Amino acid sequence: ISVESGLQTFRGEGGLWRHHRAEQL
């Protein structure tokens, strides 16, 4: 629902900081 407002997701392709594992963040 937030992606449709232009908010990038935490994970997934195109997500913020996608090259970091969740355990790092």
PDB file of all heavy atoms in Angstrom:
ATOM      1  N   ILE A   1       0.837  -1.206   0.000  1.00  0.00           N
ATOM      2  CA  ILE A   1       0.000   0.000   0.000  1.00  0.00           C
ATOM      3  C   ILE A   1       0.872   1.255   0.000  1.00  0.00           C
ATOM      4  O   ILE A   1       0.507   2.283  -0.577  1.00  0.00           O
ATOM      5  CB  ILE A   1      -0.981  -0.011   1.193  1.00  0.00           C
ATOM      6  CG1 ILE A   1      -2.091   1.022   0.987  1.00  0.00           C
ATOM      7  CG2 ILE A   1      -0.270   0.216   2.509  1.00  0.00           C
ATOM      8  CD1 ILE A   1      -3.212   0.920   2.010  1.00  0.00           C
ATOM      9  N   SER A   2       2.067   1.178   0.607  1.00  0.00           N
ATOM     10  CA  SER A   2       2.957   2.331   0.663  1.00  0.00           C
ATOM     11  C   SER A   2       3.775   2.489  -0.611  1.00  0.00           C
ATOM     12  O   SER A   2       4.132   3.615  -0.986  1.00  0.00           O
ATOM     13  CB  SER A   2       3.895   2.211   1.868  1.00  0.00           C
ATOM     14  OG  SER A   2       3.163   2.242   3.078  1.00  0.00           O
ATOM     15  N   VAL A   3       4.073   1.385  -1.275  1.00  0.00           N
ATOM     16  CA  VAL A   3       4.826   1.455  -2.531  1.00  0.00           C
ATOM     17  C   VAL A   3       4.082   2.318  -3.539  1.00  0.00           C
ATOM     18  O   VAL A   3       4.692   3.061  -4.322  1.00  0.00           O
ATOM     19  CB  VAL A   3       5.066   0.034  -3.085  1.00  0.00           C
ATOM     20  CG1 VAL A   3       5.524   0.080  -4.539  1.00  0.00           C
ATOM     21  CG2 VAL A   3       6.105  -0.688  -2.243  1.00  0.00           C
ATOM     22  N   GLU A   4       2.755   2.265  -3.511  1.00  0.00           N
ATOM     23  CA  GLU A   4       1.966   3.058  -4.461  1.00  0.00           C
ATOM     24  C   GLU A   4       2.025   4.555  -4.159  1.00  0.00           C
ATOM     25  O   GLU A   4       1.581   5.370  -4.966  1.00  0.00           O
ATOM     26  CB  GLU A   4       0.527   2.560  -4.482  1.00  0.00           C
ATOM     27  CG  GLU A   4       0.404   1.182  -5.105  1.00  0.00           C
ATOM     28  CD  GLU A   4      -1.034   0.728  -5.263  1.00  0.00           C
ATOM     29  OE1 GLU A   4      -1.927   1.579  -5.431  1.00  0.00           O
ATOM     30  OE2 GLU A   4      -1.263  -0.491  -5.210  1.00  0.00           O
ATOM     31  N   SER A   5       2.560   4.915  -2.988  1.00  0.00           N
ATOM     32  CA  SER A   5       2.809   6.320  -2.672  1.00  0.00           C
ATOM     33  C   SER A   5       4.227   6.730  -3.033  1.00  0.00           C
ATOM     34  O   SER A   5       4.640   7.860  -2.762  1.00  0.00           O
ATOM     35  CB  SER A   5       2.564   6.578  -1.179  1.00  0.00           C
ATOM     36  OG  SER A   5       1.189   6.523  -0.880  1.00  0.00           O
ATOM     37  N   GLY A   6       4.989   5.792  -3.622  1.00  0.00           N
ATOM     38  CA  GLY A   6       6.359   6.074  -4.018  1.00  0.00           C
ATOM     39  C   GLY A   6       7.399   5.713  -2.982  1.00  0.00           C
ATOM     40  O   GLY A   6       8.594   5.979  -3.169  1.00  0.00           O
ATOM     41  N   LEU A   7       6.958   5.098  -1.878  1.00  0.00           N
ATOM     42  CA  LEU A   7       7.893   4.747  -0.820  1.00  0.00           C
ATOM     43  C   LEU A   7       8.591   3.444  -1.171  1.00  0.00           C
ATOM     44  O   LEU A   7       7.946   2.428  -1.408  1.00  0.00           O
ATOM     45  CB  LEU A   7       7.131   4.605   0.498  1.00  0.00           C
ATOM     46  CG  LEU A   7       7.942   4.688   1.787  1.00  0.00           C
ATOM     47  CD1 LEU A   7       8.612   6.054   1.904  1.00  0.00           C
ATOM     48  CD2 LEU A   7       7.034   4.453   2.984  1.00  0.00           C
ATOM     49  N   GLN A   8       9.908   3.475  -1.198  1.00  0.00           N
ATOM     50  CA  GLN A   8      10.660   2.271  -1.528  1.00  0.00           C
ATOM     51  C   GLN A   8      10.597   1.268  -0.379  1.00  0.00           C
ATOM     52  O   GLN A   8      10.506   1.636   0.789  1.00  0.00           O
ATOM     53  CB  GLN A   8      12.127   2.624  -1.808  1.00  0.00           C
ATOM     54  CG  GLN A   8      12.358   3.366  -3.105  1.00  0.00           C
ATOM     55  CD  GLN A   8      13.818   3.690  -3.290  1.00  0.00           C
ATOM     56  OE1 GLN A   8      14.289   4.717  -2.830  1.00  0.00           O
ATOM     57  NE2 GLN A   8      14.533   2.808  -3.946  1.00  0.00           N
ATOM     58  N   THR A   9      10.659  -0.006  -0.739  1.00  0.00           N
ATOM     59  CA  THR A   9      10.588  -1.046   0.274  1.00  0.00           C
ATOM     60  C   THR A   9      11.965  -1.290   0.875  1.00  0.00           C
ATOM     61  O   THR A   9      12.987  -0.900   0.327  1.00  0.00           O
ATOM     62  CB  THR A   9      10.064  -2.365  -0.320  1.00  0.00           C
ATOM     63  OG1 THR A   9      10.938  -2.764  -1.385  1.00  0.00           O
ATOM     64  CG2 THR A   9       8.662  -2.195  -0.853  1.00  0.00           C
ATOM     65  N   PHE A  10      11.950  -1.951   2.017  1.00  0.00           N
ATOM     66  CA  PHE A  10      13.185  -2.324   2.703  1.00  0.00           C
ATOM     67  C   PHE A  10      13.926  -3.373   1.892  1.00  0.00           C
ATOM     68  O   PHE A  10      15.115  -3.262   1.622  1.00  0.00           O
ATOM     69  CB  PHE A  10      12.792  -2.840   4.090  1.00  0.00           C
ATOM     70  CG  PHE A  10      13.919  -3.363   4.938  1.00  0.00           C
ATOM     71  CD1 PHE A  10      15.242  -3.349   4.529  1.00  0.00           C
ATOM     72  CD2 PHE A  10      13.638  -3.867   6.186  1.00  0.00           C
ATOM     73  CE1 PHE A  10      16.256  -3.828   5.334  1.00  0.00           C
ATOM     74  CE2 PHE A  10      14.644  -4.354   7.000  1.00  0.00           C
ATOM     75  CZ  PHE A  10      15.955  -4.334   6.571  1.00  0.00           C
ATOM     76  N   ARG A  11      13.195  -4.400   1.472  1.00  0.00           N
ATOM     77  CA  ARG A  11      13.810  -5.519   0.769  1.00  0.00           C
ATOM     78  C   ARG A  11      13.267  -5.606  -0.646  1.00  0.00           C
ATOM     79  O   ARG A  11      12.401  -4.851  -1.043  1.00  0.00           O
ATOM     80  CB  ARG A  11      13.518  -6.823   1.520  1.00  0.00           C
ATOM     81  CG  ARG A  11      14.206  -6.891   2.870  1.00  0.00           C
ATOM     82  CD  ARG A  11      13.727  -8.067   3.670  1.00  0.00           C
ATOM     83  NE  ARG A  11      12.365  -7.878   4.148  1.00  0.00           N
ATOM     84  CZ  ARG A  11      11.719  -8.768   4.886  1.00  0.00           C
ATOM     85  NH1 ARG A  11      12.294  -9.897   5.187  1.00  0.00           N
ATOM     86  NH2 ARG A  11      10.501  -8.525   5.300  1.00  0.00           N
ATOM     87  N   GLY A  12      13.786  -6.553  -1.422  1.00  0.00           N
ATOM     88  CA  GLY A  12      13.293  -6.776  -2.769  1.00  0.00           C
ATOM     89  C   GLY A  12      14.054  -5.947  -3.785  1.00  0.00           C
ATOM     90  O   GLY A  12      14.786  -5.016  -3.473  1.00  0.00           O
ATOM     91  N   GLU A  13      13.851  -6.290  -5.050  1.00  0.00           N
ATOM     92  CA  GLU A  13      14.536  -5.591  -6.135  1.00  0.00           C
ATOM     93  C   GLU A  13      14.116  -4.137  -6.140  1.00  0.00           C
ATOM     94  O   GLU A  13      12.940  -3.800  -6.110  1.00  0.00           O
ATOM     95  CB  GLU A  13      14.200  -6.242  -7.471  1.00  0.00           C
ATOM     96  CG  GLU A  13      15.001  -5.686  -8.623  1.00  0.00           C
ATOM     97  CD  GLU A  13      14.739  -6.450  -9.910  1.00  0.00           C
ATOM     98  OE1 GLU A  13      14.083  -7.511  -9.857  1.00  0.00           O
ATOM     99  OE2 GLU A  13      15.208  -5.979 -10.961  1.00  0.00           O
ATOM    100  N   GLY A  14      15.089  -3.251  -6.144  1.00  0.00           N
ATOM    101  CA  GLY A  14      14.804  -1.829  -6.111  1.00  0.00           C
ATOM    102  C   GLY A  14      14.636  -1.293  -4.711  1.00  0.00           C
ATOM    103  O   GLY A  14      14.433  -0.094  -4.524  1.00  0.00           O
ATOM    104  N   GLY A  15      14.691  -2.154  -3.697  1.00  0.00           N
ATOM    105  CA  GLY A  15      14.510  -1.717  -2.324  1.00  0.00           C
ATOM    106  C   GLY A  15      15.715  -0.954  -1.803  1.00  0.00           C
ATOM    107  O   GLY A  15      16.828  -1.056  -2.324  1.00  0.00           O
ATOM    108  N   LEU A  16      15.473  -0.165  -0.765  1.00  0.00           N
ATOM    109  CA  LEU A  16      16.556   0.573  -0.148  1.00  0.00           C
ATOM    110  C   LEU A  16      17.603  -0.378   0.426  1.00  0.00           C
ATOM    111  O   LEU A  16      17.277  -1.361   1.075  1.00  0.00           O
ATOM    112  CB  LEU A  16      15.992   1.439   0.999  1.00  0.00           C
ATOM    113  CG  LEU A  16      15.237   2.707   0.608  1.00  0.00           C
ATOM    114  CD1 LEU A  16      14.565   3.293   1.838  1.00  0.00           C
ATOM    115  CD2 LEU A  16      16.178   3.726   0.003  1.00  0.00           C
ATOM    116  N   TRP A  17      18.848  -0.101   0.174  1.00  0.00           N
ATOM    117  CA  TRP A  17      19.961  -0.819   0.768  1.00  0.00           C
ATOM    118  C   TRP A  17      19.859  -2.322   0.494  1.00  0.00           C
ATOM    119  O   TRP A  17      20.143  -3.157   1.344  1.00  0.00           O
ATOM    120  CB  TRP A  17      20.023  -0.557   2.280  1.00  0.00           C
ATOM    121  CG  TRP A  17      20.375   0.848   2.633  1.00  0.00           C
ATOM    122  CD1 TRP A  17      19.776   1.980   2.150  1.00  0.00           C
ATOM    123  CD2 TRP A  17      21.381   1.290   3.542  1.00  0.00           C
ATOM    124  NE1 TRP A  17      20.343   3.097   2.706  1.00  0.00           N
ATOM    125  CE2 TRP A  17      21.336   2.705   3.580  1.00  0.00           C
ATOM    126  CE3 TRP A  17      22.305   0.626   4.347  1.00  0.00           C
ATOM    127  CZ2 TRP A  17      22.179   3.453   4.372  1.00  0.00           C
ATOM    128  CZ3 TRP A  17      23.145   1.381   5.139  1.00  0.00           C
ATOM    129  CH2 TRP A  17      23.090   2.778   5.146  1.00  0.00           C
ATOM    130  N   ARG A  18      19.451  -2.676  -0.714  1.00  0.00           N
ATOM    131  CA  ARG A  18      19.179  -4.076  -1.032  1.00  0.00           C
ATOM    132  C   ARG A  18      20.436  -4.942  -1.028  1.00  0.00           C
ATOM    133  O   ARG A  18      20.343  -6.166  -1.017  1.00  0.00           O
ATOM    134  CB  ARG A  18      18.477  -4.191  -2.382  1.00  0.00           C
ATOM    135  CG  ARG A  18      19.271  -3.677  -3.573  1.00  0.00           C
ATOM    136  CD  ARG A  18      18.420  -3.659  -4.835  1.00  0.00           C
ATOM    137  NE  ARG A  18      19.142  -3.137  -5.980  1.00  0.00           N
ATOM    138  CZ  ARG A  18      19.310  -1.851  -6.242  1.00  0.00           C
ATOM    139  NH1 ARG A  18      18.821  -0.943  -5.415  1.00  0.00           N
ATOM    140  NH2 ARG A  18      19.970  -1.447  -7.317  1.00  0.00           N
ATOM    141  N   HIS A  19      21.614  -4.306  -1.044  1.00  0.00           N
ATOM    142  CA  HIS A  19      22.851  -5.085  -1.050  1.00  0.00           C
ATOM    143  C   HIS A  19      23.306  -5.448   0.362  1.00  0.00           C
ATOM    144  O   HIS A  19      24.321  -6.107   0.529  1.00  0.00           O
ATOM    145  CB  HIS A  19      23.958  -4.318  -1.781  1.00  0.00           C
ATOM    146  CG  HIS A  19      23.638  -4.049  -3.223  1.00  0.00           C
ATOM    147  ND1 HIS A  19      23.370  -5.060  -4.126  1.00  0.00           N
ATOM    148  CD2 HIS A  19      23.503  -2.887  -3.908  1.00  0.00           C
ATOM    149  CE1 HIS A  19      23.112  -4.525  -5.313  1.00  0.00           C
ATOM    150  NE2 HIS A  19      23.186  -3.219  -5.199  1.00  0.00           N
ATOM    151  N   HIS A  20      22.562  -5.015   1.366  1.00  0.00           N
ATOM    152  CA  HIS A  20      22.867  -5.371   2.744  1.00  0.00           C
ATOM    153  C   HIS A  20      21.880  -6.428   3.230  1.00  0.00           C
ATOM    154  O   HIS A  20      20.691  -6.360   2.937  1.00  0.00           O
ATOM    155  CB  HIS A  20      22.759  -4.137   3.654  1.00  0.00           C
ATOM    156  CG  HIS A  20      23.846  -3.134   3.447  1.00  0.00           C
ATOM    157  ND1 HIS A  20      24.929  -3.018   4.278  1.00  0.00           N
ATOM    158  CD2 HIS A  20      24.006  -2.190   2.480  1.00  0.00           C
ATOM    159  CE1 HIS A  20      25.722  -2.048   3.843  1.00  0.00           C
ATOM    160  NE2 HIS A  20      25.173  -1.521   2.761  1.00  0.00           N
ATOM    161  N   ARG A  21      22.373  -7.371   3.993  1.00  0.00           N
ATOM    162  CA  ARG A  21      21.482  -8.367   4.595  1.00  0.00           C
ATOM    163  C   ARG A  21      20.693  -7.732   5.727  1.00  0.00           C
ATOM    164  O   ARG A  21      21.129  -6.766   6.354  1.00  0.00           O
ATOM    165  CB  ARG A  21      22.297  -9.548   5.139  1.00  0.00           C
ATOM    166  CG  ARG A  21      23.071 -10.315   4.085  1.00  0.00           C
ATOM    167  CD  ARG A  21      23.629 -11.617   4.660  1.00  0.00           C
ATOM    168  NE  ARG A  21      24.341 -11.397   5.909  1.00  0.00           N
ATOM    169  CZ  ARG A  21      25.631 -11.047   5.987  1.00  0.00           C
ATOM    170  NH1 ARG A  21      26.330 -10.866   4.876  1.00  0.00           N
ATOM    171  NH2 ARG A  21      26.208 -10.879   7.165  1.00  0.00           N
ATOM    172  N   ALA A  22      19.514  -8.291   6.000  1.00  0.00           N
ATOM    173  CA  ALA A  22      18.684  -7.779   7.088  1.00  0.00           C
ATOM    174  C   ALA A  22      19.438  -7.777   8.406  1.00  0.00           C
ATOM    175  O   ALA A  22      19.269  -6.871   9.236  1.00  0.00           O
ATOM    176  CB  ALA A  22      17.422  -8.617   7.198  1.00  0.00           C
ATOM    177  N   GLU A  23      20.290  -8.791   8.593  1.00  0.00           N
ATOM    178  CA  GLU A  23      21.036  -8.905   9.843  1.00  0.00           C
ATOM    179  C   GLU A  23      22.034  -7.760  10.032  1.00  0.00           C
ATOM    180  O   GLU A  23      22.517  -7.516  11.136  1.00  0.00           O
ATOM    181  CB  GLU A  23      21.784 -10.246   9.891  1.00  0.00           C
ATOM    182  CG  GLU A  23      20.890 -11.468   9.991  1.00  0.00           C
ATOM    183  CD  GLU A  23      20.251 -11.852   8.654  1.00  0.00           C
ATOM    184  OE1 GLU A  23      20.613 -11.248   7.614  1.00  0.00           O
ATOM    185  OE2 GLU A  23      19.388 -12.743   8.652  1.00  0.00           O
ATOM    186  N   GLN A  24      22.362  -7.056   8.938  1.00  0.00           N
ATOM    187  CA  GLN A  24      23.276  -5.925   9.024  1.00  0.00           C
ATOM    188  C   GLN A  24      22.560  -4.627   9.365  1.00  0.00           C
ATOM    189  O   GLN A  24      23.214  -3.623   9.659  1.00  0.00           O
ATOM    190  CB  GLN A  24      24.017  -5.750   7.696  1.00  0.00           C
ATOM    191  CG  GLN A  24      24.953  -6.891   7.329  1.00  0.00           C
ATOM    192  CD  GLN A  24      25.572  -6.667   5.956  1.00  0.00           C
ATOM    193  OE1 GLN A  24      24.874  -6.641   4.951  1.00  0.00           O
ATOM    194  NE2 GLN A  24      26.885  -6.472   5.924  1.00  0.00           N
ATOM    195  N   LEU A  25      21.243  -4.637   9.296  1.00  0.00           N
ATOM    196  CA  LEU A  25      20.507  -3.381   9.382  1.00  0.00           C
ATOM    197  C   LEU A  25      19.374  -3.356  10.404  1.00  0.00           C
ATOM    198  O   LEU A  25      19.074  -2.293  10.940  1.00  0.00           O
ATOM    199  CB  LEU A  25      19.901  -3.051   7.999  1.00  0.00           C
ATOM    200  CG  LEU A  25      20.880  -2.910   6.843  1.00  0.00           C
ATOM    201  CD1 LEU A  25      20.122  -2.828   5.530  1.00  0.00           C
ATOM    202  CD2 LEU A  25      21.743  -1.675   7.042  1.00  0.00           C
TER     203      LEU A  25
END
